[in-house]
Amino acid sequence: MMSERSLTLSVAEETAASLDRLARATGRSADQLAQEALQRYLDYESWKADKIRHGIACGDAGEFATDEELAEAFDRYRHAAQDAE
């Protein structure tokens, strides 16, 4: 079992009320939901920071998309957006 440490956190009353409502609706404790939300946030932010560092390293190494590659990507997204309309 992983050791645990208490953490005191102040949140807006509205946020606390939303957490309490969700806890009741899901049959889970507010503590469980808050732990899960914090872990998801940390996982996402770590992933994002890794991607940013990788992008900077690629840029520093001179690894950029060509004009043709960018045009192809923009065309794909433009066509997808038009198809969705």
C-alpha atoms as a PDB file:
ATOM      1  CA  MET A   1       0.000   0.000   0.000  1.00  0.00           C
ATOM      2  CA  MET A   2       1.260   3.454  -0.895  1.00  0.00           C
ATOM      3  CA  SER A   3       1.864   5.769   2.041  1.00  0.00           C
ATOM      4  CA  GLU A   4      -0.372   8.792   2.224  1.00  0.00           C
ATOM      5  CA  ARG A   5       0.037  12.366   3.331  1.00  0.00           C
ATOM      6  CA  SER A   6      -2.725  14.749   4.294  1.00  0.00           C
ATOM      7  CA  LEU A   7      -3.142  17.864   2.225  1.00  0.00           C
ATOM      8  CA  THR A   8      -5.278  20.819   3.199  1.00  0.00           C
ATOM      9  CA  LEU A   9      -6.833  22.652   0.301  1.00  0.00           C
ATOM     10  CA  SER A  10      -9.116  25.673   0.246  1.00  0.00           C
ATOM     11  CA  VAL A  11     -11.647  25.796  -2.569  1.00  0.00           C
ATOM     12  CA  ALA A  12     -14.560  28.033  -3.444  1.00  0.00           C
ATOM     13  CA  GLU A  13     -17.797  27.115  -1.695  1.00  0.00           C
ATOM     14  CA  GLU A  14     -19.365  26.395  -5.088  1.00  0.00           C
ATOM     15  CA  THR A  15     -16.571  23.914  -5.909  1.00  0.00           C
ATOM     16  CA  ALA A  16     -16.973  22.164  -2.556  1.00  0.00           C
ATOM     17  CA  ALA A  17     -20.725  21.931  -3.059  1.00  0.00           C
ATOM     18  CA  SER A  18     -20.241  20.441  -6.548  1.00  0.00           C
ATOM     19  CA  LEU A  19     -17.799  17.906  -5.126  1.00  0.00           C
ATOM     20  CA  ASP A  20     -20.250  16.940  -2.402  1.00  0.00           C
ATOM     21  CA  ARG A  21     -23.104  16.546  -4.912  1.00  0.00           C
ATOM     22  CA  LEU A  22     -20.992  14.358  -7.175  1.00  0.00           C
ATOM     23  CA  ALA A  23     -19.835  12.264  -4.226  1.00  0.00           C
ATOM     24  CA  ARG A  24     -23.436  11.611  -3.196  1.00  0.00           C
ATOM     25  CA  ALA A  25     -24.499  10.865  -6.770  1.00  0.00           C
ATOM     26  CA  THR A  26     -21.679   8.371  -7.335  1.00  0.00           C
ATOM     27  CA  GLY A  27     -21.602   6.775  -3.896  1.00  0.00           C
ATOM     28  CA  ARG A  28     -17.956   7.718  -3.510  1.00  0.00           C
ATOM     29  CA  SER A  29     -16.355   9.977  -0.963  1.00  0.00           C
ATOM     30  CA  ALA A  30     -15.384  13.541  -1.752  1.00  0.00           C
ATOM     31  CA  ASP A  31     -11.846  12.548  -0.753  1.00  0.00           C
ATOM     32  CA  GLN A  32     -11.772   9.770  -3.375  1.00  0.00           C
ATOM     33  CA  LEU A  33     -13.067  12.083  -6.080  1.00  0.00           C
ATOM     34  CA  ALA A  34     -10.611  14.844  -5.177  1.00  0.00           C
ATOM     35  CA  GLN A  35      -7.682  12.390  -5.187  1.00  0.00           C
ATOM     36  CA  GLU A  36      -8.707  11.067  -8.589  1.00  0.00           C
ATOM     37  CA  ALA A  37      -9.172  14.564 -10.012  1.00  0.00           C
ATOM     38  CA  LEU A  38      -5.793  15.695  -8.709  1.00  0.00           C
ATOM     39  CA  GLN A  39      -4.059  12.614 -10.117  1.00  0.00           C
ATOM     40  CA  ARG A  40      -5.685  13.099 -13.530  1.00  0.00           C
ATOM     41  CA  TYR A  41      -4.609  16.742 -13.526  1.00  0.00           C
ATOM     42  CA  LEU A  42      -1.032  15.853 -12.584  1.00  0.00           C
ATOM     43  CA  ASP A  43      -0.884  13.113 -15.234  1.00  0.00           C
ATOM     44  CA  TYR A  44      -2.163  15.505 -17.911  1.00  0.00           C
ATOM     45  CA  GLU A  45       0.127  18.374 -16.947  1.00  0.00           C
ATOM     46  CA  SER A  46       3.140  16.032 -16.862  1.00  0.00           C
ATOM     47  CA  TRP A  47       2.231  14.673 -20.302  1.00  0.00           C
ATOM     48  CA  LYS A  48       1.803  18.219 -21.637  1.00  0.00           C
ATOM     49  CA  ALA A  49       5.129  19.383 -20.173  1.00  0.00           C
ATOM     50  CA  ASP A  50       6.891  16.390 -21.781  1.00  0.00           C
ATOM     51  CA  LYS A  51       5.333  17.238 -25.171  1.00  0.00           C
ATOM     52  CA  ILE A  52       6.375  20.874 -24.857  1.00  0.00           C
ATOM     53  CA  ARG A  53       9.943  19.911 -23.925  1.00  0.00           C
ATOM     54  CA  HIS A  54      10.057  17.526 -26.881  1.00  0.00           C
ATOM     55  CA  GLY A  55       8.757  20.231 -29.229  1.00  0.00           C
ATOM     56  CA  ILE A  56      11.355  22.701 -27.998  1.00  0.00           C
ATOM     57  CA  ALA A  57      14.125  20.134 -28.407  1.00  0.00           C
ATOM     58  CA  CYS A  58      12.967  19.402 -31.971  1.00  0.00           C
ATOM     59  CA  GLY A  59      12.880  23.115 -32.734  1.00  0.00           C
ATOM     60  CA  ASP A  60      16.323  23.611 -31.245  1.00  0.00           C
ATOM     61  CA  ALA A  61      17.558  20.760 -33.461  1.00  0.00           C
ATOM     62  CA  GLY A  62      16.076  22.483 -36.522  1.00  0.00           C
ATOM     63  CA  GLU A  63      13.395  19.836 -37.045  1.00  0.00           C
ATOM     64  CA  PHE A  64      10.535  21.790 -38.578  1.00  0.00           C
ATOM     65  CA  ALA A  65       7.681  20.793 -40.850  1.00  0.00           C
ATOM     66  CA  THR A  66       8.101  21.750 -44.481  1.00  0.00           C
ATOM     67  CA  ASP A  67       5.727  24.167 -46.165  1.00  0.00           C
ATOM     68  CA  GLU A  68       4.232  21.223 -48.056  1.00  0.00           C
ATOM     69  CA  GLU A  69       3.635  19.237 -44.839  1.00  0.00           C
ATOM     70  CA  LEU A  70       1.922  22.231 -43.244  1.00  0.00           C
ATOM     71  CA  ALA A  71      -0.257  22.803 -46.306  1.00  0.00           C
ATOM     72  CA  GLU A  72      -1.324  19.134 -46.274  1.00  0.00           C
ATOM     73  CA  ALA A  73      -2.201  19.310 -42.578  1.00  0.00           C
ATOM     74  CA  PHE A  74      -4.193  22.531 -43.002  1.00  0.00           C
ATOM     75  CA  ASP A  75      -6.031  21.044 -45.977  1.00  0.00           C
ATOM     76  CA  ARG A  76      -6.992  17.940 -43.961  1.00  0.00           C
ATOM     77  CA  TYR A  77      -8.421  20.062 -41.162  1.00  0.00           C
ATOM     78  CA  ARG A  78     -10.124  22.471 -43.522  1.00  0.00           C
ATOM     79  CA  HIS A  79     -11.830  19.593 -45.368  1.00  0.00           C
ATOM     80  CA  ALA A  80     -12.829  17.932 -42.091  1.00  0.00           C
ATOM     81  CA  ALA A  81     -14.368  21.206 -40.878  1.00  0.00           C
ATOM     82  CA  GLN A  82     -16.234  21.685 -44.155  1.00  0.00           C
ATOM     83  CA  ASP A  83     -17.524  18.108 -44.037  1.00  0.00           C
ATOM     84  CA  ALA A  84     -18.811  18.687 -40.520  1.00  0.00           C
ATOM     85  CA  GLU A  85     -20.917  21.675 -41.580  1.00  0.00           C
END
